[in-house]
Amino acid sequence: LVIAGTIDARQIVEQLLKYGVSVTATVTTHLGGS
């Protein structure tokens, strides 16, 4: 579970997906989700 919404979080999500784990990310805004 990644508490996201920043450029740092997006970089972390990208690396996690490449590694092959399952990722759920929370964001507070629609823009963050997009």
Full PDB file with SEQRES, HELIX, SHEET, SSBOND, CRYST1, ORIGX, SCALE, CONECT and MASTER records, all heavy atoms in Angstrom:
SEQRES   1 A   34  LEU VAL ILE ALA GLY THR ILE ASP ALA ARG GLN ILE VAL          
SEQRES   2 A   34  GLU GLN LEU LEU LYS TYR GLY VAL SER VAL THR ALA THR          
SEQRES   3 A   34  VAL THR THR HIS LEU GLY GLY SER                              
HELIX    1 AA1 ILE A    7  TYR A   19  1                                  13    
HELIX    2 AA2 HIS A   30  GLY A   33  1                                   4    
SHEET    1 AA1 2 VAL A   2  ILE A   3  0                                        
SHEET    2 AA1 2 ALA A  25  THR A  26  1                                        
CRYST1    1.000    1.000    1.000  90.00  90.00  90.00 P 1           1          
ORIGX1      1.000000  0.000000  0.000000        0.00000                         
ORIGX2      0.000000  1.000000  0.000000        0.00000                         
ORIGX3      0.000000  0.000000  1.000000        0.00000                         
SCALE1      1.000000  0.000000  0.000000        0.00000                         
SCALE2      0.000000  1.000000  0.000000        0.00000                         
SCALE3      0.000000  0.000000  1.000000        0.00000                         
ATOM      1  N   LEU A   1       0.854  -1.180   0.000  1.00  0.00           N  
ATOM      2  CA  LEU A   1       0.000   0.000   0.000  1.00  0.00           C  
ATOM      3  C   LEU A   1       0.891   1.231   0.000  1.00  0.00           C  
ATOM      4  O   LEU A   1       1.692   1.435   0.921  1.00  0.00           O  
ATOM      5  CB  LEU A   1      -0.908   0.015   1.234  1.00  0.00           C  
ATOM      6  CG  LEU A   1      -1.778   1.271   1.412  1.00  0.00           C  
ATOM      7  CD1 LEU A   1      -2.709   1.468   0.225  1.00  0.00           C  
ATOM      8  CD2 LEU A   1      -2.570   1.212   2.712  1.00  0.00           C  
ATOM      9  N   VAL A   2       0.783   2.047  -1.049  1.00  0.00           N  
ATOM     10  CA  VAL A   2       1.584   3.257  -1.168  1.00  0.00           C  
ATOM     11  C   VAL A   2       0.691   4.468  -0.924  1.00  0.00           C  
ATOM     12  O   VAL A   2      -0.321   4.648  -1.602  1.00  0.00           O  
ATOM     13  CB  VAL A   2       2.234   3.379  -2.565  1.00  0.00           C  
ATOM     14  CG1 VAL A   2       3.049   4.668  -2.659  1.00  0.00           C  
ATOM     15  CG2 VAL A   2       3.116   2.171  -2.843  1.00  0.00           C  
ATOM     16  N   ILE A   3       1.059   5.289   0.048  1.00  0.00           N  
ATOM     17  CA  ILE A   3       0.369   6.551   0.277  1.00  0.00           C  
ATOM     18  C   ILE A   3       1.010   7.537  -0.688  1.00  0.00           C  
ATOM     19  O   ILE A   3       2.138   7.980  -0.487  1.00  0.00           O  
ATOM     20  CB  ILE A   3       0.508   7.033   1.734  1.00  0.00           C  
ATOM     21  CG1 ILE A   3       0.214   5.876   2.707  1.00  0.00           C  
ATOM     22  CG2 ILE A   3      -0.420   8.218   1.993  1.00  0.00           C  
ATOM     23  CD1 ILE A   3      -1.161   5.259   2.542  1.00  0.00           C  
ATOM     24  N   ALA A   4       0.280   7.854  -1.754  1.00  0.00           N  
ATOM     25  CA  ALA A   4       0.899   8.529  -2.903  1.00  0.00           C  
ATOM     26  C   ALA A   4       0.433   9.989  -3.046  1.00  0.00           C  
ATOM     27  O   ALA A   4       0.051  10.626  -2.081  1.00  0.00           O  
ATOM     28  CB  ALA A   4       0.611   7.725  -4.166  1.00  0.00           C  
ATOM     29  N   GLY A   5       0.533  10.488  -4.288  1.00  0.00           N  
ATOM     30  CA  GLY A   5       0.137  11.861  -4.574  1.00  0.00           C  
ATOM     31  C   GLY A   5       1.293  12.790  -4.882  1.00  0.00           C  
ATOM     32  O   GLY A   5       1.107  13.988  -5.066  1.00  0.00           O  
ATOM     33  N   THR A   6       2.524  12.251  -4.924  1.00  0.00           N  
ATOM     34  CA  THR A   6       3.698  13.067  -5.226  1.00  0.00           C  
ATOM     35  C   THR A   6       4.483  12.426  -6.371  1.00  0.00           C  
ATOM     36  O   THR A   6       4.270  11.261  -6.720  1.00  0.00           O  
ATOM     37  CB  THR A   6       4.644  13.162  -4.010  1.00  0.00           C  
ATOM     38  OG1 THR A   6       5.124  11.845  -3.691  1.00  0.00           O  
ATOM     39  CG2 THR A   6       3.928  13.751  -2.799  1.00  0.00           C  
ATOM     40  N   ILE A   7       5.408  13.189  -6.929  1.00  0.00           N  
ATOM     41  CA  ILE A   7       6.263  12.648  -7.984  1.00  0.00           C  
ATOM     42  C   ILE A   7       7.133  11.524  -7.428  1.00  0.00           C  
ATOM     43  O   ILE A   7       7.427  10.544  -8.119  1.00  0.00           O  
ATOM     44  CB  ILE A   7       7.138  13.759  -8.613  1.00  0.00           C  
ATOM     45  CG1 ILE A   7       7.889  13.207  -9.827  1.00  0.00           C  
ATOM     46  CG2 ILE A   7       8.094  14.367  -7.596  1.00  0.00           C  
ATOM     47  CD1 ILE A   7       8.599  14.272 -10.645  1.00  0.00           C  
ATOM     48  N   ASP A   8       7.532  11.641  -6.159  1.00  0.00           N  
ATOM     49  CA  ASP A   8       8.320  10.583  -5.524  1.00  0.00           C  
ATOM     50  C   ASP A   8       7.520   9.285  -5.483  1.00  0.00           C  
ATOM     51  O   ASP A   8       8.047   8.207  -5.767  1.00  0.00           O  
ATOM     52  CB  ASP A   8       8.683  10.979  -4.089  1.00  0.00           C  
ATOM     53  CG  ASP A   8       9.217  12.382  -3.981  1.00  0.00           C  
ATOM     54  OD1 ASP A   8      10.276  12.636  -4.571  1.00  0.00           O  
ATOM     55  OD2 ASP A   8       8.584  13.212  -3.319  1.00  0.00           O  
ATOM     56  N   ALA A   9       6.249   9.397  -5.109  1.00  0.00           N  
ATOM     57  CA  ALA A   9       5.399   8.210  -5.013  1.00  0.00           C  
ATOM     58  C   ALA A   9       5.250   7.538  -6.372  1.00  0.00           C  
ATOM     59  O   ALA A   9       5.238   6.305  -6.466  1.00  0.00           O  
ATOM     60  CB  ALA A   9       4.029   8.592  -4.457  1.00  0.00           C  
ATOM     61  N   ARG A  10       5.138   8.336  -7.424  1.00  0.00           N  
ATOM     62  CA  ARG A  10       5.000   7.751  -8.764  1.00  0.00           C  
ATOM     63  C   ARG A  10       6.266   6.985  -9.144  1.00  0.00           C  
ATOM     64  O   ARG A  10       6.194   5.917  -9.759  1.00  0.00           O  
ATOM     65  CB  ARG A  10       4.685   8.848  -9.788  1.00  0.00           C  
ATOM     66  CG  ARG A  10       3.328   9.497  -9.558  1.00  0.00           C  
ATOM     67  CD  ARG A  10       2.853  10.277 -10.761  1.00  0.00           C  
ATOM     68  NE  ARG A  10       3.644  11.446 -11.049  1.00  0.00           N  
ATOM     69  CZ  ARG A  10       3.468  12.645 -10.463  1.00  0.00           C  
ATOM     70  NH1 ARG A  10       2.534  12.790  -9.527  1.00  0.00           N  
ATOM     71  NH2 ARG A  10       4.208  13.671 -10.800  1.00  0.00           N  
ATOM     72  N   GLN A  11       7.417   7.513  -8.785  1.00  0.00           N  
ATOM     73  CA  GLN A  11       8.675   6.806  -9.063  1.00  0.00           C  
ATOM     74  C   GLN A  11       8.734   5.492  -8.284  1.00  0.00           C  
ATOM     75  O   GLN A  11       9.175   4.462  -8.808  1.00  0.00           O  
ATOM     76  CB  GLN A  11       9.859   7.696  -8.680  1.00  0.00           C  
ATOM     77  CG  GLN A  11       9.998   8.925  -9.566  1.00  0.00           C  
ATOM     78  CD  GLN A  11      11.028   9.912  -9.034  1.00  0.00           C  
ATOM     79  OE1 GLN A  11      11.547   9.762  -7.931  1.00  0.00           O  
ATOM     80  NE2 GLN A  11      11.316  10.941  -9.811  1.00  0.00           N  
ATOM     81  N   ILE A  12       8.257   5.522  -7.043  1.00  0.00           N  
ATOM     82  CA  ILE A  12       8.252   4.311  -6.217  1.00  0.00           C  
ATOM     83  C   ILE A  12       7.279   3.284  -6.782  1.00  0.00           C  
ATOM     84  O   ILE A  12       7.604   2.094  -6.882  1.00  0.00           O  
ATOM     85  CB  ILE A  12       7.900   4.679  -4.758  1.00  0.00           C  
ATOM     86  CG1 ILE A  12       9.057   5.454  -4.123  1.00  0.00           C  
ATOM     87  CG2 ILE A  12       7.566   3.426  -3.940  1.00  0.00           C  
ATOM     88  CD1 ILE A  12       8.730   6.086  -2.786  1.00  0.00           C  
ATOM     89  N   VAL A  13       6.088   3.728  -7.168  1.00  0.00           N  
ATOM     90  CA  VAL A  13       5.098   2.831  -7.759  1.00  0.00           C  
ATOM     91  C   VAL A  13       5.668   2.172  -9.007  1.00  0.00           C  
ATOM     92  O   VAL A  13       5.518   0.955  -9.220  1.00  0.00           O  
ATOM     93  CB  VAL A  13       3.790   3.585  -8.086  1.00  0.00           C  
ATOM     94  CG1 VAL A  13       2.897   2.751  -9.007  1.00  0.00           C  
ATOM     95  CG2 VAL A  13       3.049   3.926  -6.806  1.00  0.00           C  
ATOM     96  N   GLU A  14       6.318   2.951  -9.853  1.00  0.00           N  
ATOM     97  CA  GLU A  14       6.904   2.415 -11.087  1.00  0.00           C  
ATOM     98  C   GLU A  14       7.911   1.309 -10.784  1.00  0.00           C  
ATOM     99  O   GLU A  14       7.894   0.250 -11.413  1.00  0.00           O  
ATOM    100  CB  GLU A  14       7.572   3.542 -11.872  1.00  0.00           C  
ATOM    101  CG  GLU A  14       8.181   3.087 -13.186  1.00  0.00           C  
ATOM    102  CD  GLU A  14       8.817   4.225 -13.974  1.00  0.00           C  
ATOM    103  OE1 GLU A  14       9.073   5.296 -13.378  1.00  0.00           O  
ATOM    104  OE2 GLU A  14       9.051   4.040 -15.177  1.00  0.00           O  
ATOM    105  N   GLN A  15       8.777   1.544  -9.794  1.00  0.00           N  
ATOM    106  CA  GLN A  15       9.798   0.554  -9.449  1.00  0.00           C  
ATOM    107  C   GLN A  15       9.177  -0.695  -8.819  1.00  0.00           C  
ATOM    108  O   GLN A  15       9.624  -1.818  -9.076  1.00  0.00           O  
ATOM    109  CB  GLN A  15      10.821   1.169  -8.497  1.00  0.00           C  
ATOM    110  CG  GLN A  15      11.694   2.250  -9.126  1.00  0.00           C  
ATOM    111  CD  GLN A  15      12.444   1.753 -10.344  1.00  0.00           C  
ATOM    112  OE1 GLN A  15      13.074   0.694 -10.312  1.00  0.00           O  
ATOM    113  NE2 GLN A  15      12.370   2.499 -11.439  1.00  0.00           N  
ATOM    114  N   LEU A  16       8.157  -0.506  -8.011  1.00  0.00           N  
ATOM    115  CA  LEU A  16       7.487  -1.646  -7.381  1.00  0.00           C  
ATOM    116  C   LEU A  16       6.835  -2.542  -8.426  1.00  0.00           C  
ATOM    117  O   LEU A  16       6.912  -3.774  -8.349  1.00  0.00           O  
ATOM    118  CB  LEU A  16       6.438  -1.149  -6.386  1.00  0.00           C  
ATOM    119  CG  LEU A  16       6.964  -0.512  -5.096  1.00  0.00           C  
ATOM    120  CD1 LEU A  16       5.818   0.110  -4.306  1.00  0.00           C  
ATOM    121  CD2 LEU A  16       7.696  -1.537  -4.237  1.00  0.00           C  
ATOM    122  N   LEU A  17       6.184  -1.924  -9.407  1.00  0.00           N  
ATOM    123  CA  LEU A  17       5.534  -2.705 -10.464  1.00  0.00           C  
ATOM    124  C   LEU A  17       6.560  -3.468 -11.293  1.00  0.00           C  
ATOM    125  O   LEU A  17       6.330  -4.619 -11.686  1.00  0.00           O  
ATOM    126  CB  LEU A  17       4.700  -1.780 -11.352  1.00  0.00           C  
ATOM    127  CG  LEU A  17       3.455  -1.169 -10.694  1.00  0.00           C  
ATOM    128  CD1 LEU A  17       2.837  -0.119 -11.599  1.00  0.00           C  
ATOM    129  CD2 LEU A  17       2.430  -2.250 -10.354  1.00  0.00           C  
ATOM    130  N   LYS A  18       7.697  -2.842 -11.550  1.00  0.00           N  
ATOM    131  CA  LYS A  18       8.757  -3.513 -12.292  1.00  0.00           C  
ATOM    132  C   LYS A  18       9.286  -4.715 -11.515  1.00  0.00           C  
ATOM    133  O   LYS A  18       9.646  -5.739 -12.098  1.00  0.00           O  
ATOM    134  CB  LYS A  18       9.913  -2.541 -12.594  1.00  0.00           C  
ATOM    135  CG  LYS A  18       9.606  -1.529 -13.675  1.00  0.00           C  
ATOM    136  CD  LYS A  18      10.800  -0.614 -13.912  1.00  0.00           C  
ATOM    137  CE  LYS A  18      10.518   0.409 -15.012  1.00  0.00           C  
ATOM    138  NZ  LYS A  18      11.666   1.328 -15.210  1.00  0.00           N  
ATOM    139  N   TYR A  19       9.313  -4.605 -10.211  1.00  0.00           N  
ATOM    140  CA  TYR A  19       9.806  -5.692  -9.363  1.00  0.00           C  
ATOM    141  C   TYR A  19       8.802  -6.844  -9.313  1.00  0.00           C  
ATOM    142  O   TYR A  19       9.180  -7.988  -9.091  1.00  0.00           O  
ATOM    143  CB  TYR A  19      10.087  -5.166  -7.957  1.00  0.00           C  
ATOM    144  CG  TYR A  19      10.581  -6.213  -7.001  1.00  0.00           C  
ATOM    145  CD1 TYR A  19      11.760  -6.920  -7.251  1.00  0.00           C  
ATOM    146  CD2 TYR A  19       9.861  -6.512  -5.847  1.00  0.00           C  
ATOM    147  CE1 TYR A  19      12.205  -7.900  -6.371  1.00  0.00           C  
ATOM    148  CE2 TYR A  19      10.303  -7.493  -4.961  1.00  0.00           C  
ATOM    149  CZ  TYR A  19      11.484  -8.172  -5.223  1.00  0.00           C  
ATOM    150  OH  TYR A  19      11.913  -9.141  -4.349  1.00  0.00           O  
ATOM    151  N   GLY A  20       7.520  -6.522  -9.525  1.00  0.00           N  
ATOM    152  CA  GLY A  20       6.528  -7.587  -9.608  1.00  0.00           C  
ATOM    153  C   GLY A  20       5.629  -7.753  -8.408  1.00  0.00           C  
ATOM    154  O   GLY A  20       4.913  -8.753  -8.302  1.00  0.00           O  
ATOM    155  N   VAL A  21       5.627  -6.778  -7.507  1.00  0.00           N  
ATOM    156  CA  VAL A  21       4.697  -6.857  -6.379  1.00  0.00           C  
ATOM    157  C   VAL A  21       3.372  -6.210  -6.777  1.00  0.00           C  
ATOM    158  O   VAL A  21       3.289  -5.456  -7.753  1.00  0.00           O  
ATOM    159  CB  VAL A  21       5.258  -6.166  -5.116  1.00  0.00           C  
ATOM    160  CG1 VAL A  21       6.535  -6.841  -4.668  1.00  0.00           C  
ATOM    161  CG2 VAL A  21       5.492  -4.681  -5.349  1.00  0.00           C  
ATOM    162  N   SER A  22       2.337  -6.495  -6.010  1.00  0.00           N  
ATOM    163  CA  SER A  22       1.024  -5.906  -6.258  1.00  0.00           C  
ATOM    164  C   SER A  22       0.950  -4.563  -5.533  1.00  0.00           C  
ATOM    165  O   SER A  22       1.335  -4.461  -4.365  1.00  0.00           O  
ATOM    166  CB  SER A  22      -0.068  -6.845  -5.747  1.00  0.00           C  
ATOM    167  OG  SER A  22      -1.342  -6.294  -5.968  1.00  0.00           O  
ATOM    168  N   VAL A  23       0.479  -3.524  -6.230  1.00  0.00           N  
ATOM    169  CA  VAL A  23       0.503  -2.174  -5.671  1.00  0.00           C  
ATOM    170  C   VAL A  23      -0.890  -1.555  -5.623  1.00  0.00           C  
ATOM    171  O   VAL A  23      -1.596  -1.512  -6.640  1.00  0.00           O  
ATOM    172  CB  VAL A  23       1.435  -1.246  -6.489  1.00  0.00           C  
ATOM    173  CG1 VAL A  23       1.441   0.159  -5.891  1.00  0.00           C  
ATOM    174  CG2 VAL A  23       2.847  -1.804  -6.542  1.00  0.00           C  
ATOM    175  N   THR A  24      -1.269  -1.076  -4.453  1.00  0.00           N  
ATOM    176  CA  THR A  24      -2.439  -0.219  -4.289  1.00  0.00           C  
ATOM    177  C   THR A  24      -1.930   1.151  -3.857  1.00  0.00           C  
ATOM    178  O   THR A  24      -1.122   1.246  -2.920  1.00  0.00           O  
ATOM    179  CB  THR A  24      -3.410  -0.774  -3.233  1.00  0.00           C  
ATOM    180  OG1 THR A  24      -3.954  -2.004  -3.690  1.00  0.00           O  
ATOM    181  CG2 THR A  24      -4.558   0.208  -2.982  1.00  0.00           C  
ATOM    182  N   ALA A  25      -2.371   2.196  -4.542  1.00  0.00           N  
ATOM    183  CA  ALA A  25      -1.905   3.547  -4.232  1.00  0.00           C  
ATOM    184  C   ALA A  25      -3.086   4.447  -3.897  1.00  0.00           C  
ATOM    185  O   ALA A  25      -4.096   4.451  -4.607  1.00  0.00           O  
ATOM    186  CB  ALA A  25      -1.134   4.130  -5.412  1.00  0.00           C  
ATOM    187  N   THR A  26      -2.964   5.197  -2.816  1.00  0.00           N  
ATOM    188  CA  THR A  26      -4.011   6.144  -2.432  1.00  0.00           C  
ATOM    189  C   THR A  26      -3.586   7.558  -2.808  1.00  0.00           C  
ATOM    190  O   THR A  26      -2.426   7.933  -2.660  1.00  0.00           O  
ATOM    191  CB  THR A  26      -4.289   6.094  -0.922  1.00  0.00           C  
ATOM    192  OG1 THR A  26      -3.154   6.620  -0.208  1.00  0.00           O  
ATOM    193  CG2 THR A  26      -4.564   4.679  -0.454  1.00  0.00           C  
ATOM    194  N   VAL A  27      -4.535   8.327  -3.318  1.00  0.00           N  
ATOM    195  CA  VAL A  27      -4.317   9.733  -3.645  1.00  0.00           C  
ATOM    196  C   VAL A  27      -5.526  10.523  -3.153  1.00  0.00           C  
ATOM    197  O   VAL A  27      -6.621   9.970  -3.021  1.00  0.00           O  
ATOM    198  CB  VAL A  27      -4.126   9.963  -5.162  1.00  0.00           C  
ATOM    199  CG1 VAL A  27      -2.837   9.328  -5.649  1.00  0.00           C  
ATOM    200  CG2 VAL A  27      -5.314   9.414  -5.943  1.00  0.00           C  
ATOM    201  N   THR A  28      -5.340  11.802  -2.900  1.00  0.00           N  
ATOM    202  CA  THR A  28      -6.449  12.604  -2.383  1.00  0.00           C  
ATOM    203  C   THR A  28      -7.229  13.309  -3.483  1.00  0.00           C  
ATOM    204  O   THR A  28      -8.364  13.715  -3.260  1.00  0.00           O  
ATOM    205  CB  THR A  28      -5.932  13.663  -1.389  1.00  0.00           C  
ATOM    206  OG1 THR A  28      -4.940  14.484  -2.037  1.00  0.00           O  
ATOM    207  CG2 THR A  28      -5.311  12.985  -0.170  1.00  0.00           C  
ATOM    208  N   THR A  29      -6.634  13.443  -4.674  1.00  0.00           N  
ATOM    209  CA  THR A  29      -7.293  14.194  -5.737  1.00  0.00           C  
ATOM    210  C   THR A  29      -7.442  13.362  -7.009  1.00  0.00           C  
ATOM    211  O   THR A  29      -6.709  12.391  -7.227  1.00  0.00           O  
ATOM    212  CB  THR A  29      -6.500  15.472  -6.089  1.00  0.00           C  
ATOM    213  OG1 THR A  29      -5.229  15.098  -6.655  1.00  0.00           O  
ATOM    214  CG2 THR A  29      -6.272  16.335  -4.851  1.00  0.00           C  
ATOM    215  N   HIS A  30      -8.371  13.799  -7.842  1.00  0.00           N  
ATOM    216  CA  HIS A  30      -8.565  13.151  -9.138  1.00  0.00           C  
ATOM    217  C   HIS A  30      -7.324  13.328 -10.012  1.00  0.00           C  
ATOM    218  O   HIS A  30      -6.939  12.418 -10.747  1.00  0.00           O  
ATOM    219  CB  HIS A  30      -9.787  13.747  -9.834  1.00  0.00           C  
ATOM    220  CG  HIS A  30     -10.025  13.186 -11.209  1.00  0.00           C  
ATOM    221  ND1 HIS A  30     -10.429  11.881 -11.421  1.00  0.00           N  
ATOM    222  CD2 HIS A  30      -9.875  13.748 -12.447  1.00  0.00           C  
ATOM    223  CE1 HIS A  30     -10.536  11.659 -12.715  1.00  0.00           C  
ATOM    224  NE2 HIS A  30     -10.200  12.764 -13.359  1.00  0.00           N  
ATOM    225  N   LEU A  31      -6.696  14.506  -9.911  1.00  0.00           N  
ATOM    226  CA  LEU A  31      -5.476  14.757 -10.691  1.00  0.00           C  
ATOM    227  C   LEU A  31      -4.388  13.765 -10.293  1.00  0.00           C  
ATOM    228  O   LEU A  31      -3.702  13.200 -11.155  1.00  0.00           O  
ATOM    229  CB  LEU A  31      -4.992  16.187 -10.466  1.00  0.00           C  
ATOM    230  CG  LEU A  31      -3.676  16.581 -11.149  1.00  0.00           C  
ATOM    231  CD1 LEU A  31      -3.782  16.417 -12.657  1.00  0.00           C  
ATOM    232  CD2 LEU A  31      -3.283  18.011 -10.791  1.00  0.00           C  
ATOM    233  N   GLY A  32      -4.235  13.535  -8.988  1.00  0.00           N  
ATOM    234  CA  GLY A  32      -3.241  12.580  -8.528  1.00  0.00           C  
ATOM    235  C   GLY A  32      -3.506  11.186  -9.070  1.00  0.00           C  
ATOM    236  O   GLY A  32      -2.580  10.476  -9.461  1.00  0.00           O  
ATOM    237  N   GLY A  33      -4.784  10.824  -9.129  1.00  0.00           N  
ATOM    238  CA  GLY A  33      -5.150   9.517  -9.673  1.00  0.00           C  
ATOM    239  C   GLY A  33      -4.858   9.406 -11.154  1.00  0.00           C  
ATOM    240  O   GLY A  33      -4.367   8.379 -11.633  1.00  0.00           O  
ATOM    241  N   SER A  34      -5.147  10.476 -11.889  1.00  0.00           N  
ATOM    242  CA  SER A  34      -4.936  10.456 -13.342  1.00  0.00           C  
ATOM    243  C   SER A  34      -3.454  10.318 -13.687  1.00  0.00           C  
ATOM    244  O   SER A  34      -3.102   9.681 -14.685  1.00  0.00           O  
ATOM    245  CB  SER A  34      -5.512  11.727 -13.980  1.00  0.00           C  
ATOM    246  OG  SER A  34      -4.793  12.884 -13.560  1.00  0.00           O  
TER     247      SER A  34                                                      
MASTER        0    0    0    2    2    0    0    6  246    1    0    3          
END                                                                             
